[in-house]
C-alpha atoms as a PDB file:
ATOM      1  CA  MET A   1     -10.247  66.600 -20.138  1.00  0.00           C
ATOM      2  CA  SER A   2      -7.395  67.097 -23.698  1.00  0.00           C
ATOM      3  CA  GLU A   3      -5.154  64.234 -22.275  1.00  0.00           C
ATOM      4  CA  THR A   4      -7.978  62.451 -21.248  1.00  0.00           C
ATOM      5  CA  LEU A   5      -9.632  62.583 -25.193  1.00  0.00           C
ATOM      6  CA  GLN A   6      -6.227  62.538 -26.204  1.00  0.00           C
ATOM      7  CA  THR A   7      -5.229  59.158 -24.558  1.00  0.00           C
ATOM      8  CA  THR A   8      -8.622  57.827 -25.439  1.00  0.00           C
ATOM      9  CA  GLY A   9      -8.332  58.355 -28.985  1.00  0.00           C
ATOM     10  CA  ALA A  10      -4.604  57.131 -29.091  1.00  0.00           C
ATOM     11  CA  ALA A  11      -6.226  54.293 -27.421  1.00  0.00           C
ATOM     12  CA  ALA A  12      -8.671  53.205 -30.278  1.00  0.00           C
ATOM     13  CA  PRO A  13      -8.619  50.289 -31.703  1.00  0.00           C
ATOM     14  CA  VAL A  14      -6.080  50.259 -35.204  1.00  0.00           C
ATOM     15  CA  SER A  15      -8.195  50.960 -38.554  1.00  0.00           C
ATOM     16  CA  GLY A  16      -7.534  47.381 -40.950  1.00  0.00           C
ATOM     17  CA  SER A  17      -5.383  48.880 -43.299  1.00  0.00           C
ATOM     18  CA  GLU A  18      -2.777  49.348 -39.930  1.00  0.00           C
ATOM     19  CA  ARG A  19      -3.367  45.677 -38.378  1.00  0.00           C
ATOM     20  CA  ILE A  20      -1.017  43.171 -39.882  1.00  0.00           C
ATOM     21  CA  HIS A  21      -2.766  39.994 -41.041  1.00  0.00           C
ATOM     22  CA  ALA A  22      -0.287  37.719 -41.282  1.00  0.00           C
ATOM     23  CA  ILE A  23      -0.026  38.243 -37.711  1.00  0.00           C
ATOM     24  CA  ASP A  24      -3.486  37.694 -37.439  1.00  0.00           C
ATOM     25  CA  VAL A  25      -3.494  34.898 -38.883  1.00  0.00           C
ATOM     26  CA  LEU A  26      -0.907  33.229 -37.094  1.00  0.00           C
ATOM     27  CA  ARG A  27      -2.535  34.391 -33.658  1.00  0.00           C
ATOM     28  CA  GLY A  28      -5.682  32.070 -34.936  1.00  0.00           C
ATOM     29  CA  VAL A  29      -3.902  29.428 -36.152  1.00  0.00           C
ATOM     30  CA  ALA A  30      -1.969  28.953 -32.688  1.00  0.00           C
ATOM     31  CA  VAL A  31      -5.604  29.185 -30.217  1.00  0.00           C
ATOM     32  CA  LEU A  32      -6.425  26.776 -32.942  1.00  0.00           C
ATOM     33  CA  GLY A  33      -3.560  24.508 -31.839  1.00  0.00           C
ATOM     34  CA  ILE A  34      -3.664  24.776 -28.438  1.00  0.00           C
ATOM     35  CA  LEU A  35      -7.435  23.617 -28.687  1.00  0.00           C
ATOM     36  CA  ILE A  36      -5.977  20.703 -29.930  1.00  0.00           C
ATOM     37  CA  VAL A  37      -3.798  20.086 -27.452  1.00  0.00           C
ATOM     38  CA  ASN A  38      -6.036  20.695 -24.747  1.00  0.00           C
ATOM     39  CA  ILE A  39      -9.113  18.790 -25.941  1.00  0.00           C
ATOM     40  CA  TRP A  40      -7.026  16.031 -23.262  1.00  0.00           C
ATOM     41  CA  SER A  41      -7.585  18.165 -20.791  1.00  0.00           C
ATOM     42  CA  PHE A  42     -11.267  18.561 -21.654  1.00  0.00           C
ATOM     43  CA  ALA A  43     -12.090  14.819 -21.982  1.00  0.00           C
ATOM     44  CA  TRP A  44      -9.923  12.429 -19.708  1.00  0.00           C
ATOM     45  CA  VAL A  45      -8.792  12.878 -16.158  1.00  0.00           C
ATOM     46  CA  SER A  46      -5.580  15.268 -15.094  1.00  0.00           C
ATOM     47  CA  ALA A  47      -3.085  12.120 -15.077  1.00  0.00           C
ATOM     48  CA  ALA A  48      -3.556  11.468 -18.340  1.00  0.00           C
ATOM     49  CA  TYR A  49      -2.391  14.654 -20.140  1.00  0.00           C
ATOM     50  CA  ARG A  50       0.817  13.357 -19.505  1.00  0.00           C
ATOM     51  CA  ASN A  51       0.145   9.730 -19.415  1.00  0.00           C
ATOM     52  CA  PRO A  52      -2.224   8.015 -21.376  1.00  0.00           C
ATOM     53  CA  SER A  53      -2.152   4.627 -19.708  1.00  0.00           C
ATOM     54  CA  ALA A  54      -3.882   6.752 -17.063  1.00  0.00           C
ATOM     55  CA  ALA A  55      -6.762   7.817 -19.182  1.00  0.00           C
ATOM     56  CA  PRO A  56      -9.941   5.865 -18.016  1.00  0.00           C
ATOM     57  CA  GLU A  57     -10.929   2.357 -19.083  1.00  0.00           C
ATOM     58  CA  GLY A  58      -7.113   1.049 -19.719  1.00  0.00           C
ATOM     59  CA  GLY A  59      -5.410   3.558 -20.865  1.00  0.00           C
ATOM     60  CA  LEU A  60      -5.141   4.549 -24.895  1.00  0.00           C
ATOM     61  CA  GLY A  61      -4.188   1.955 -27.546  1.00  0.00           C
ATOM     62  CA  GLY A  62      -4.288   1.328 -31.012  1.00  0.00           C
ATOM     63  CA  ALA A  63      -5.427   4.645 -33.121  1.00  0.00           C
ATOM     64  CA  ASP A  64      -5.841   6.697 -30.329  1.00  0.00           C
ATOM     65  CA  PHE A  65      -2.465   5.583 -28.902  1.00  0.00           C
ATOM     66  CA  TRP A  66      -0.787   7.481 -32.344  1.00  0.00           C
ATOM     67  CA  ILE A  67      -3.096  10.388 -32.183  1.00  0.00           C
ATOM     68  CA  TRP A  68      -2.295  11.391 -28.507  1.00  0.00           C
ATOM     69  CA  ALA A  69       2.030  10.974 -29.898  1.00  0.00           C
ATOM     70  CA  ALA A  70       1.322  12.743 -32.744  1.00  0.00           C
ATOM     71  CA  VAL A  71      -0.368  15.867 -30.802  1.00  0.00           C
ATOM     72  CA  ASN A  72       2.548  15.681 -28.257  1.00  0.00           C
ATOM     73  CA  VAL A  73       5.370  15.584 -30.939  1.00  0.00           C
ATOM     74  CA  PHE A  74       4.023  18.527 -33.127  1.00  0.00           C
ATOM     75  CA  ALA A  75       1.410  20.375 -31.103  1.00  0.00           C
ATOM     76  CA  ASP A  76       2.227  20.017 -27.534  1.00  0.00           C
ATOM     77  CA  THR A  77       3.918  23.528 -26.278  1.00  0.00           C
ATOM     78  CA  LYS A  78       4.422  24.792 -29.541  1.00  0.00           C
ATOM     79  CA  PHE A  79       1.676  26.570 -30.439  1.00  0.00           C
ATOM     80  CA  ILE A  80       1.988  28.292 -27.090  1.00  0.00           C
ATOM     81  CA  SER A  81       5.133  28.673 -27.569  1.00  0.00           C
ATOM     82  CA  ILE A  82       3.839  30.774 -30.911  1.00  0.00           C
ATOM     83  CA  PHE A  83       1.465  32.645 -29.117  1.00  0.00           C
ATOM     84  CA  SER A  84       3.486  33.646 -26.704  1.00  0.00           C
ATOM     85  CA  LEU A  85       5.738  35.104 -28.963  1.00  0.00           C
ATOM     86  CA  LEU A  86       2.814  36.643 -30.988  1.00  0.00           C
ATOM     87  CA  PHE A  87       1.518  38.597 -27.257  1.00  0.00           C
ATOM     88  CA  GLY A  88       5.204  39.752 -26.712  1.00  0.00           C
ATOM     89  CA  ALA A  89       5.119  41.169 -30.136  1.00  0.00           C
ATOM     90  CA  GLY A  90       1.617  42.750 -29.482  1.00  0.00           C
ATOM     91  CA  ILE A  91       2.540  44.106 -26.556  1.00  0.00           C
ATOM     92  CA  ALA A  92       5.649  46.135 -27.757  1.00  0.00           C
ATOM     93  CA  MET A  93       3.315  47.063 -31.364  1.00  0.00           C
ATOM     94  CA  MET A  94       1.251  48.601 -28.855  1.00  0.00           C
ATOM     95  CA  SER A  95       3.748  50.567 -26.843  1.00  0.00           C
ATOM     96  CA  GLU A  96       5.480  51.737 -30.279  1.00  0.00           C
ATOM     97  CA  ARG A  97       2.607  53.214 -31.418  1.00  0.00           C
ATOM     98  CA  MET A  98       1.333  55.039 -28.121  1.00  0.00           C
ATOM     99  CA  ASP A  99       5.135  56.506 -28.951  1.00  0.00           C
ATOM    100  CA  LEU A 100       4.544  57.773 -32.173  1.00  0.00           C
ATOM    101  CA  ARG A 101       0.992  59.485 -31.027  1.00  0.00           C
ATOM    102  CA  GLY A 102       2.882  60.834 -27.815  1.00  0.00           C
ATOM    103  CA  VAL A 103       0.454  59.496 -25.636  1.00  0.00           C
ATOM    104  CA  PRO A 104       2.200  57.472 -22.844  1.00  0.00           C
ATOM    105  CA  GLY A 105       0.638  53.822 -23.566  1.00  0.00           C
ATOM    106  CA  GLY A 106       1.796  52.035 -19.514  1.00  0.00           C
ATOM    107  CA  ARG A 107      -1.896  53.414 -18.088  1.00  0.00           C
ATOM    108  CA  LEU A 108      -3.469  51.458 -20.843  1.00  0.00           C
ATOM    109  CA  HIS A 109      -1.075  48.960 -21.354  1.00  0.00           C
ATOM    110  CA  TYR A 110      -2.006  48.098 -17.504  1.00  0.00           C
ATOM    111  CA  ARG A 111      -5.325  49.006 -17.664  1.00  0.00           C
ATOM    112  CA  ARG A 112      -6.037  45.579 -20.205  1.00  0.00           C
ATOM    113  CA  GLN A 113      -3.466  43.232 -18.302  1.00  0.00           C
ATOM    114  CA  PHE A 114      -5.681  43.819 -15.244  1.00  0.00           C
ATOM    115  CA  TRP A 115      -8.678  42.707 -17.896  1.00  0.00           C
ATOM    116  CA  LEU A 116      -6.935  39.826 -19.012  1.00  0.00           C
ATOM    117  CA  LEU A 117      -6.684  39.346 -15.253  1.00  0.00           C
ATOM    118  CA  ALA A 118     -10.138  39.107 -14.852  1.00  0.00           C
ATOM    119  CA  ILE A 119     -11.462  36.940 -17.352  1.00  0.00           C
ATOM    120  CA  GLY A 120      -8.566  34.302 -16.669  1.00  0.00           C
ATOM    121  CA  LEU A 121      -9.787  33.894 -12.741  1.00  0.00           C
ATOM    122  CA  LEU A 122     -13.481  33.917 -14.272  1.00  0.00           C
ATOM    123  CA  HIS A 123     -12.418  31.128 -16.456  1.00  0.00           C
ATOM    124  CA  ALA A 124     -10.476  29.444 -14.549  1.00  0.00           C
ATOM    125  CA  TYR A 125     -12.501  29.137 -11.463  1.00  0.00           C
ATOM    126  CA  GLY A 126     -15.639  29.051 -13.013  1.00  0.00           C
ATOM    127  CA  ILE A 127     -15.240  27.150 -16.265  1.00  0.00           C
ATOM    128  CA  TRP A 128     -11.893  24.947 -16.745  1.00  0.00           C
ATOM    129  CA  HIS A 129      -8.756  25.086 -14.605  1.00  0.00           C
ATOM    130  CA  GLY A 130      -6.411  24.960 -17.498  1.00  0.00           C
ATOM    131  CA  ASP A 131      -7.087  28.260 -18.015  1.00  0.00           C
ATOM    132  CA  ILE A 132      -3.752  30.068 -19.379  1.00  0.00           C
ATOM    133  CA  LEU A 133      -5.214  33.620 -19.369  1.00  0.00           C
ATOM    134  CA  VAL A 134      -4.477  34.495 -15.632  1.00  0.00           C
ATOM    135  CA  PRO A 135      -0.180  33.724 -16.266  1.00  0.00           C
ATOM    136  CA  TYR A 136      -0.256  35.739 -19.354  1.00  0.00           C
ATOM    137  CA  ALA A 137      -1.731  38.737 -17.254  1.00  0.00           C
ATOM    138  CA  LEU A 138       0.810  38.214 -14.866  1.00  0.00           C
ATOM    139  CA  CYS A 139       3.816  38.315 -17.743  1.00  0.00           C
ATOM    140  CA  GLY A 140       2.483  41.279 -18.925  1.00  0.00           C
ATOM    141  CA  PHE A 141       2.637  43.031 -15.772  1.00  0.00           C
ATOM    142  CA  ILE A 142       5.757  41.901 -15.608  1.00  0.00           C
ATOM    143  CA  LEU A 143       7.475  42.408 -18.896  1.00  0.00           C
ATOM    144  CA  TYR A 144       6.243  45.976 -19.688  1.00  0.00           C
ATOM    145  CA  GLY A 145       9.386  47.218 -18.158  1.00  0.00           C
ATOM    146  CA  PHE A 146      11.395  45.750 -20.630  1.00  0.00           C
ATOM    147  CA  ARG A 147      10.129  46.829 -23.284  1.00  0.00           C
ATOM    148  CA  ASP A 148      12.812  50.079 -23.813  1.00  0.00           C
ATOM    149  CA  TRP A 149      15.894  47.524 -23.759  1.00  0.00           C
ATOM    150  CA  ALA A 150      17.422  46.717 -27.071  1.00  0.00           C
ATOM    151  CA  PRO A 151      16.745  43.666 -29.460  1.00  0.00           C
ATOM    152  CA  ARG A 152      19.945  41.648 -28.503  1.00  0.00           C
ATOM    153  CA  ARG A 153      19.312  42.305 -24.575  1.00  0.00           C
ATOM    154  CA  LEU A 154      16.056  40.729 -24.714  1.00  0.00           C
ATOM    155  CA  LEU A 155      16.964  38.168 -26.770  1.00  0.00           C
ATOM    156  CA  TRP A 156      19.567  37.184 -24.198  1.00  0.00           C
ATOM    157  CA  ALA A 157      17.441  37.610 -21.006  1.00  0.00           C
ATOM    158  CA  GLY A 158      14.567  35.533 -22.876  1.00  0.00           C
ATOM    159  CA  GLY A 159      16.890  32.503 -24.174  1.00  0.00           C
ATOM    160  CA  CYS A 160      18.394  32.717 -20.515  1.00  0.00           C
ATOM    161  CA  ALA A 161      14.784  32.432 -19.249  1.00  0.00           C
ATOM    162  CA  VAL A 162      14.115  29.787 -21.306  1.00  0.00           C
ATOM    163  CA  GLY A 163      16.929  27.865 -20.569  1.00  0.00           C
ATOM    164  CA  ILE A 164      16.549  28.454 -17.144  1.00  0.00           C
ATOM    165  CA  VAL A 165      13.561  25.988 -17.760  1.00  0.00           C
ATOM    166  CA  VAL A 166      15.379  23.584 -19.681  1.00  0.00           C
ATOM    167  CA  LEU A 167      18.045  23.275 -17.203  1.00  0.00           C
ATOM    168  CA  VAL A 168      16.275  22.704 -14.466  1.00  0.00           C
ATOM    169  CA  MET A 169      14.198  20.058 -15.933  1.00  0.00           C
ATOM    170  CA  GLY A 170      16.836  18.367 -16.929  1.00  0.00           C
ATOM    171  CA  LEU A 171      18.305  18.077 -13.832  1.00  0.00           C
ATOM    172  CA  ALA A 172      14.993  17.030 -11.913  1.00  0.00           C
ATOM    173  CA  HIS A 173      14.658  13.951 -14.541  1.00  0.00           C
ATOM    174  CA  TRP A 174      18.403  13.215 -14.262  1.00  0.00           C
ATOM    175  CA  SER A 175      18.414  13.313 -10.321  1.00  0.00           C
ATOM    176  CA  THR A 176      15.271  11.631  -9.445  1.00  0.00           C
ATOM    177  CA  PRO A 177      16.836   8.336  -9.106  1.00  0.00           C
ATOM    178  CA  TYR A 178      18.831   9.825  -5.870  1.00  0.00           C
ATOM    179  CA  TRP A 179      15.375  11.481  -4.471  1.00  0.00           C
ATOM    180  CA  PRO A 180      13.963  10.778  -1.151  1.00  0.00           C
ATOM    181  CA  ALA A 181      11.853   7.070  -1.570  1.00  0.00           C
ATOM    182  CA  GLY A 182       8.521   9.265  -0.007  1.00  0.00           C
ATOM    183  CA  GLU A 183       9.500  11.783  -2.611  1.00  0.00           C
ATOM    184  CA  ARG A 184       9.686   9.175  -5.976  1.00  0.00           C
ATOM    185  CA  ALA A 185       6.553   7.254  -4.946  1.00  0.00           C
ATOM    186  CA  GLU A 186       4.120  10.790  -4.636  1.00  0.00           C
ATOM    187  CA  VAL A 187       5.707  11.631  -8.376  1.00  0.00           C
ATOM    188  CA  ALA A 188       4.819   8.141  -9.153  1.00  0.00           C
ATOM    189  CA  ALA A 189       1.232   8.558  -7.965  1.00  0.00           C
ATOM    190  CA  GLN A 190       0.784  11.848  -9.342  1.00  0.00           C
ATOM    191  CA  TRP A 191       2.228   9.621 -12.761  1.00  0.00           C
ATOM    192  CA  ALA A 192      -0.155   7.241 -12.435  1.00  0.00           C
ATOM    193  CA  PRO A 193      -3.324   7.521 -10.213  1.00  0.00           C
ATOM    194  CA  SER A 194      -4.980   4.588  -8.401  1.00  0.00           C
ATOM    195  CA  ALA A 195      -8.172   3.302 -10.170  1.00  0.00           C
ATOM    196  CA  ALA A 196      -9.779   4.690  -6.817  1.00  0.00           C
ATOM    197  CA  GLU A 197      -8.447   8.470  -7.325  1.00  0.00           C
ATOM    198  CA  ILE A 198      -9.103   8.203 -10.786  1.00  0.00           C
ATOM    199  CA  GLY A 199     -12.833   7.553 -10.111  1.00  0.00           C
ATOM    200  CA  ALA A 200     -12.698  10.362  -7.660  1.00  0.00           C
ATOM    201  CA  GLU A 201     -11.955  12.614  -9.895  1.00  0.00           C
ATOM    202  CA  ILE A 202     -14.301  11.276 -12.839  1.00  0.00           C
ATOM    203  CA  GLU A 203     -17.079  11.285 -10.250  1.00  0.00           C
ATOM    204  CA  ALA A 204     -16.643  15.283  -9.137  1.00  0.00           C
ATOM    205  CA  MET A 205     -16.472  16.633 -12.379  1.00  0.00           C
ATOM    206  CA  SER A 206     -19.210  14.809 -13.642  1.00  0.00           C
ATOM    207  CA  GLY A 207     -20.856  16.486 -11.168  1.00  0.00           C
ATOM    208  CA  ASP A 208     -22.928  19.810 -11.040  1.00  0.00           C
ATOM    209  CA  TRP A 209     -20.407  23.296 -11.040  1.00  0.00           C
ATOM    210  CA  ALA A 210     -20.472  23.235  -7.208  1.00  0.00           C
ATOM    211  CA  GLN A 211     -19.503  19.767  -7.398  1.00  0.00           C
ATOM    212  CA  GLN A 212     -16.515  20.288 -10.019  1.00  0.00           C
ATOM    213  CA  MET A 213     -15.636  23.144  -7.978  1.00  0.00           C
ATOM    214  CA  PRO A 214     -12.735  21.423  -5.115  1.00  0.00           C
ATOM    215  CA  VAL A 215     -11.568  19.748  -8.583  1.00  0.00           C
ATOM    216  CA  ARG A 216     -11.116  22.775 -10.990  1.00  0.00           C
ATOM    217  CA  ALA A 217     -10.053  25.388  -7.885  1.00  0.00           C
ATOM    218  CA  TYR A 218      -6.884  23.333  -6.443  1.00  0.00           C
ATOM    219  CA  TYR A 219      -5.680  22.578 -10.207  1.00  0.00           C
ATOM    220  CA  ALA A 220      -6.560  26.437 -10.922  1.00  0.00           C
ATOM    221  CA  PHE A 221      -4.611  27.474  -8.022  1.00  0.00           C
ATOM    222  CA  LEU A 222      -1.797  24.889  -8.850  1.00  0.00           C
ATOM    223  CA  VAL A 223      -1.478  26.600 -12.255  1.00  0.00           C
ATOM    224  CA  GLU A 224      -1.293  30.436 -10.793  1.00  0.00           C
ATOM    225  CA  THR A 225       1.182  29.637  -8.627  1.00  0.00           C
ATOM    226  CA  VAL A 226       3.550  26.234  -8.431  1.00  0.00           C
ATOM    227  CA  ALA A 227       3.391  26.074 -12.059  1.00  0.00           C
ATOM    228  CA  PHE A 228       3.889  29.781 -13.237  1.00  0.00           C
ATOM    229  CA  ALA A 229       6.332  30.099 -10.275  1.00  0.00           C
ATOM    230  CA  GLY A 230       8.271  27.340 -11.649  1.00  0.00           C
ATOM    231  CA  TYR A 231       7.562  27.135 -15.061  1.00  0.00           C
ATOM    232  CA  LEU A 232       4.976  29.239 -17.101  1.00  0.00           C
ATOM    233  CA  VAL A 233       6.930  32.590 -15.957  1.00  0.00           C
ATOM    234  CA  TRP A 234      10.112  31.323 -17.413  1.00  0.00           C
ATOM    235  CA  ARG A 235       8.789  29.729 -20.275  1.00  0.00           C
ATOM    236  CA  VAL A 236       5.965  32.072 -21.374  1.00  0.00           C
ATOM    237  CA  GLY A 237       7.518  34.852 -20.172  1.00  0.00           C
ATOM    238  CA  GLY A 238      10.979  34.758 -21.901  1.00  0.00           C
ATOM    239  CA  LEU A 239       9.008  33.616 -25.305  1.00  0.00           C
ATOM    240  CA  MET A 240       7.652  37.013 -25.027  1.00  0.00           C
ATOM    241  CA  LEU A 241      11.015  38.993 -24.493  1.00  0.00           C
END
């Protein structure tokens, strides 16, 4: 009983005087910045997130295009990088606080990641497929074991993880002309889907919740498997380190 009470007390939220308000403000700015980027996905078909010419009604032009370009240059991947750094810092600070209070923090950490994962799954499949909570929770499960590493070792590990993404994406871009014709055609179709494919996605996402589910589930599963293993765990996880 005493151990349970001790753990509960140690796990209580920090008081206002203990909080680092600059981190709270920066976290809020990062969330709002991520929203700016995600607005495109709320409004358009999935392909238009990267290719403005795939937006409905003939693509973007004029001021709309320049706004899209500005968001891609100044916001895309920038704010999620900040949020990833803060997420990793939060894990480190919570672990340190538990250590100072003499309470094992592992159980609390994994319980928090479990609920983050559950909320993320509900969000991804129930509301919006671009959810990032699931990848963050999965990274949180993995990265807790690195919490006692020396700062320099963490810096090298994080840099290598992010470097892997840069290297793989660079090689993929450079080698595209040498891919088999069928694979190049498949990538081109994903980059610029046909009018029929765009129309089908719009029709599905304009329906009720059940009609939207196949499209939402497809992209949510893609984010949580292919995108996570090939990109997010390295880039987001590396920044968390």
